[in-house]
N, C-alpha and C. Protein backbone atom coordinates (compact mmCIF):
# COMPACT_ATOMS: atom_id res chain seq x y z
N MET A 1 0.85 -1.20 0.01
CA MET A 1 -0.02 -0.01 -0.04
C MET A 1 0.88 1.25 0.00
N ALA A 2 0.63 2.13 -0.86
CA ALA A 2 1.41 3.35 -1.00
C ALA A 2 1.04 4.38 0.10
N PHE A 3 2.02 5.13 0.47
CA PHE A 3 1.81 6.17 1.52
C PHE A 3 1.03 7.34 0.88
N ASP A 4 -0.01 7.73 1.55
CA ASP A 4 -0.85 8.84 1.10
C ASP A 4 -0.49 10.06 1.99
N PRO A 5 0.26 11.04 1.44
CA PRO A 5 0.71 12.14 2.27
C PRO A 5 -0.48 13.05 2.72
N TYR A 6 -1.62 12.89 2.18
CA TYR A 6 -2.74 13.69 2.56
C TYR A 6 -3.45 13.25 3.82
N ARG A 7 -3.07 12.01 4.30
CA ARG A 7 -3.71 11.50 5.50
C ARG A 7 -3.42 12.29 6.71
N VAL A 8 -2.30 13.08 6.65
CA VAL A 8 -1.98 13.94 7.79
C VAL A 8 -3.06 15.02 8.05
N LEU A 9 -3.83 15.26 7.01
CA LEU A 9 -4.91 16.29 7.12
C LEU A 9 -5.98 15.81 8.08
N PHE A 10 -6.25 14.54 8.31
CA PHE A 10 -7.29 14.08 9.18
C PHE A 10 -6.95 14.37 10.68
N PRO A 11 -5.77 14.05 11.15
CA PRO A 11 -5.45 14.43 12.51
C PRO A 11 -5.40 15.95 12.68
N MET A 12 -4.95 16.67 11.66
CA MET A 12 -4.99 18.10 11.71
C MET A 12 -6.42 18.64 11.86
N GLY A 13 -7.37 17.99 11.13
CA GLY A 13 -8.79 18.39 11.19
C GLY A 13 -9.36 18.08 12.55
N LEU A 14 -8.94 17.02 13.19
CA LEU A 14 -9.41 16.75 14.52
C LEU A 14 -8.89 17.74 15.49
N ALA A 15 -7.64 18.16 15.33
CA ALA A 15 -7.04 19.18 16.23
C ALA A 15 -7.82 20.53 16.05
N PHE A 16 -8.14 20.90 14.84
CA PHE A 16 -8.86 22.13 14.61
C PHE A 16 -10.27 22.04 15.20
N GLY A 17 -10.92 20.82 15.06
CA GLY A 17 -12.22 20.64 15.64
C GLY A 17 -12.23 20.71 17.17
N PHE A 18 -11.22 20.12 17.75
CA PHE A 18 -11.10 20.18 19.20
C PHE A 18 -10.89 21.59 19.67
N ALA A 19 -9.97 22.28 18.98
CA ALA A 19 -9.73 23.70 19.38
C ALA A 19 -10.97 24.61 19.23
N GLY A 20 -11.69 24.42 18.12
CA GLY A 20 -12.91 25.16 17.89
C GLY A 20 -13.99 24.87 18.87
N THR A 21 -14.06 23.66 19.36
CA THR A 21 -15.07 23.28 20.30
C THR A 21 -14.65 23.66 21.70
N ALA A 22 -13.39 23.65 22.02
CA ALA A 22 -12.89 23.97 23.35
C ALA A 22 -13.04 25.47 23.72
N LEU A 23 -13.35 26.28 22.72
CA LEU A 23 -13.56 27.71 22.96
C LEU A 23 -14.76 27.91 23.82
N TRP A 24 -15.84 27.17 23.66
CA TRP A 24 -17.08 27.42 24.34
C TRP A 24 -17.02 27.16 25.88
N PRO A 25 -16.37 26.08 26.33
CA PRO A 25 -16.22 25.96 27.81
C PRO A 25 -15.33 27.05 28.35
N LEU A 26 -14.32 27.49 27.62
CA LEU A 26 -13.48 28.59 28.04
C LEU A 26 -14.29 29.88 28.15
N HIS A 27 -15.20 30.06 27.19
CA HIS A 27 -16.03 31.27 27.26
C HIS A 27 -17.00 31.17 28.48
N ALA A 28 -17.54 29.97 28.70
CA ALA A 28 -18.49 29.77 29.83
C ALA A 28 -17.79 29.99 31.17
N ALA A 29 -16.43 29.66 31.20
CA ALA A 29 -15.71 29.90 32.45
C ALA A 29 -15.32 31.32 32.60
N GLY A 30 -15.55 32.18 31.63
CA GLY A 30 -15.15 33.58 31.72
C GLY A 30 -13.73 33.86 31.31
N ILE A 31 -13.03 32.90 30.72
CA ILE A 31 -11.67 33.08 30.34
C ILE A 31 -11.54 33.79 29.02
N LEU A 32 -12.47 33.54 28.07
CA LEU A 32 -12.49 34.17 26.80
C LEU A 32 -13.67 35.03 26.58
N ALA A 33 -13.53 36.02 25.70
CA ALA A 33 -14.68 36.78 25.22
C ALA A 33 -15.51 35.90 24.28
N TYR A 34 -16.62 36.41 23.86
CA TYR A 34 -17.52 35.63 22.94
C TYR A 34 -16.73 35.19 21.72
N PRO A 35 -16.54 33.87 21.53
CA PRO A 35 -15.63 33.38 20.47
C PRO A 35 -16.26 32.97 19.14
N ALA A 36 -17.39 33.63 18.74
CA ALA A 36 -18.15 33.14 17.63
C ALA A 36 -17.23 33.21 16.35
N ALA A 37 -16.54 34.31 16.06
CA ALA A 37 -15.78 34.46 14.84
C ALA A 37 -14.59 33.48 14.87
N LEU A 38 -13.92 33.29 16.00
CA LEU A 38 -12.82 32.38 16.10
C LEU A 38 -13.30 30.93 15.92
N HIS A 39 -14.45 30.63 16.51
CA HIS A 39 -15.05 29.31 16.40
C HIS A 39 -15.38 29.00 14.94
N TRP A 40 -15.94 29.96 14.22
CA TRP A 40 -16.28 29.79 12.83
C TRP A 40 -15.01 29.53 12.01
N SER A 41 -13.95 30.30 12.29
CA SER A 41 -12.73 30.19 11.57
C SER A 41 -12.10 28.81 11.75
N LEU A 42 -12.02 28.39 13.02
CA LEU A 42 -11.37 27.09 13.28
C LEU A 42 -12.19 25.89 12.69
N MET A 43 -13.50 26.01 12.79
CA MET A 43 -14.33 24.89 12.35
C MET A 43 -14.47 24.85 10.81
N ALA A 44 -14.74 26.01 10.19
CA ALA A 44 -14.91 25.98 8.78
C ALA A 44 -13.62 25.94 8.00
N GLN A 45 -12.72 26.83 8.39
CA GLN A 45 -11.43 26.89 7.68
C GLN A 45 -10.43 25.83 8.06
N GLY A 46 -10.57 25.29 9.26
CA GLY A 46 -9.66 24.23 9.71
C GLY A 46 -10.25 22.89 9.64
N PHE A 47 -11.23 22.60 10.43
CA PHE A 47 -11.83 21.25 10.51
C PHE A 47 -12.42 20.81 9.19
N GLN A 48 -13.29 21.58 8.63
CA GLN A 48 -13.96 21.17 7.39
C GLN A 48 -13.01 21.06 6.20
N HIS A 49 -12.17 22.06 6.02
CA HIS A 49 -11.20 22.02 4.91
C HIS A 49 -10.28 20.85 4.96
N CYS A 50 -9.81 20.57 6.21
CA CYS A 50 -8.87 19.43 6.35
C CYS A 50 -9.51 18.12 5.99
N PHE A 51 -10.76 17.93 6.44
CA PHE A 51 -11.42 16.67 6.13
C PHE A 51 -11.84 16.60 4.69
N ILE A 52 -12.31 17.66 4.12
CA ILE A 52 -12.72 17.61 2.70
C ILE A 52 -11.51 17.43 1.79
N LEU A 53 -10.46 18.20 2.04
CA LEU A 53 -9.26 18.01 1.20
C LEU A 53 -8.59 16.70 1.43
N GLY A 54 -8.53 16.27 2.69
CA GLY A 54 -7.94 14.98 2.98
C GLY A 54 -8.66 13.79 2.27
N PHE A 55 -9.95 13.86 2.30
CA PHE A 55 -10.80 12.82 1.59
C PHE A 55 -10.58 12.91 0.10
N LEU A 56 -10.73 14.11 -0.45
CA LEU A 56 -10.70 14.21 -1.91
C LEU A 56 -9.32 13.90 -2.45
N LEU A 57 -8.30 14.43 -1.85
CA LEU A 57 -6.94 14.20 -2.32
C LEU A 57 -6.48 12.76 -2.16
N THR A 58 -7.00 12.11 -1.15
CA THR A 58 -6.69 10.67 -1.00
C THR A 58 -7.49 9.79 -1.95
N ALA A 59 -8.77 10.12 -2.16
CA ALA A 59 -9.63 9.27 -2.92
C ALA A 59 -9.67 9.55 -4.43
N MET A 60 -9.36 10.79 -4.83
CA MET A 60 -9.53 11.11 -6.25
C MET A 60 -8.69 10.25 -7.21
N PRO A 61 -7.43 9.91 -6.86
CA PRO A 61 -6.74 9.02 -7.79
C PRO A 61 -7.44 7.66 -7.99
N SER A 62 -8.06 7.17 -6.91
CA SER A 62 -8.82 5.91 -7.09
C SER A 62 -10.10 6.14 -7.88
N PHE A 63 -10.78 7.23 -7.67
CA PHE A 63 -12.02 7.49 -8.41
C PHE A 63 -11.74 7.67 -9.89
N LEU A 64 -10.63 8.32 -10.19
CA LEU A 64 -10.32 8.63 -11.59
C LEU A 64 -9.41 7.60 -12.26
N HIS A 65 -9.00 6.54 -11.49
CA HIS A 65 -8.12 5.57 -12.01
C HIS A 65 -6.83 6.23 -12.48
N ALA A 66 -6.35 7.17 -11.73
CA ALA A 66 -5.12 7.90 -12.06
C ALA A 66 -3.97 7.51 -11.18
N GLU A 67 -2.78 7.91 -11.52
CA GLU A 67 -1.62 7.71 -10.70
C GLU A 67 -1.68 8.63 -9.44
N ARG A 68 -0.97 8.12 -8.41
CA ARG A 68 -0.83 8.96 -7.28
C ARG A 68 0.22 10.08 -7.52
N CYS A 69 0.25 11.09 -6.74
CA CYS A 69 1.21 12.15 -6.88
C CYS A 69 2.63 11.63 -6.74
N ARG A 70 3.53 12.12 -7.50
CA ARG A 70 4.89 11.80 -7.36
C ARG A 70 5.50 12.74 -6.31
N PRO A 71 6.62 12.41 -5.73
CA PRO A 71 7.26 13.27 -4.67
C PRO A 71 7.58 14.66 -5.24
N TRP A 72 8.00 14.79 -6.44
CA TRP A 72 8.36 16.12 -6.95
C TRP A 72 7.14 16.98 -7.25
N GLU A 73 5.92 16.38 -7.38
CA GLU A 73 4.71 17.13 -7.57
C GLU A 73 4.19 17.69 -6.26
N MET A 74 4.62 17.15 -5.16
CA MET A 74 4.15 17.59 -3.81
C MET A 74 4.71 18.99 -3.58
């Protein structure tokens, strides 16, 4: 099985999701101001993008019956 370099995006997505969710207990404890904009940024631009890109970049070569990326293309 070939190494898929895009799989690193999934743990990154989990980290963004955890960070975006952890803002609300910190806000409830009075440590942070209202974190709506930061929450949106972490969840939409971090969590969602990492999972969408990780899935598509890992699966597209199989869907298209194409070759995987070469190291020099990365």
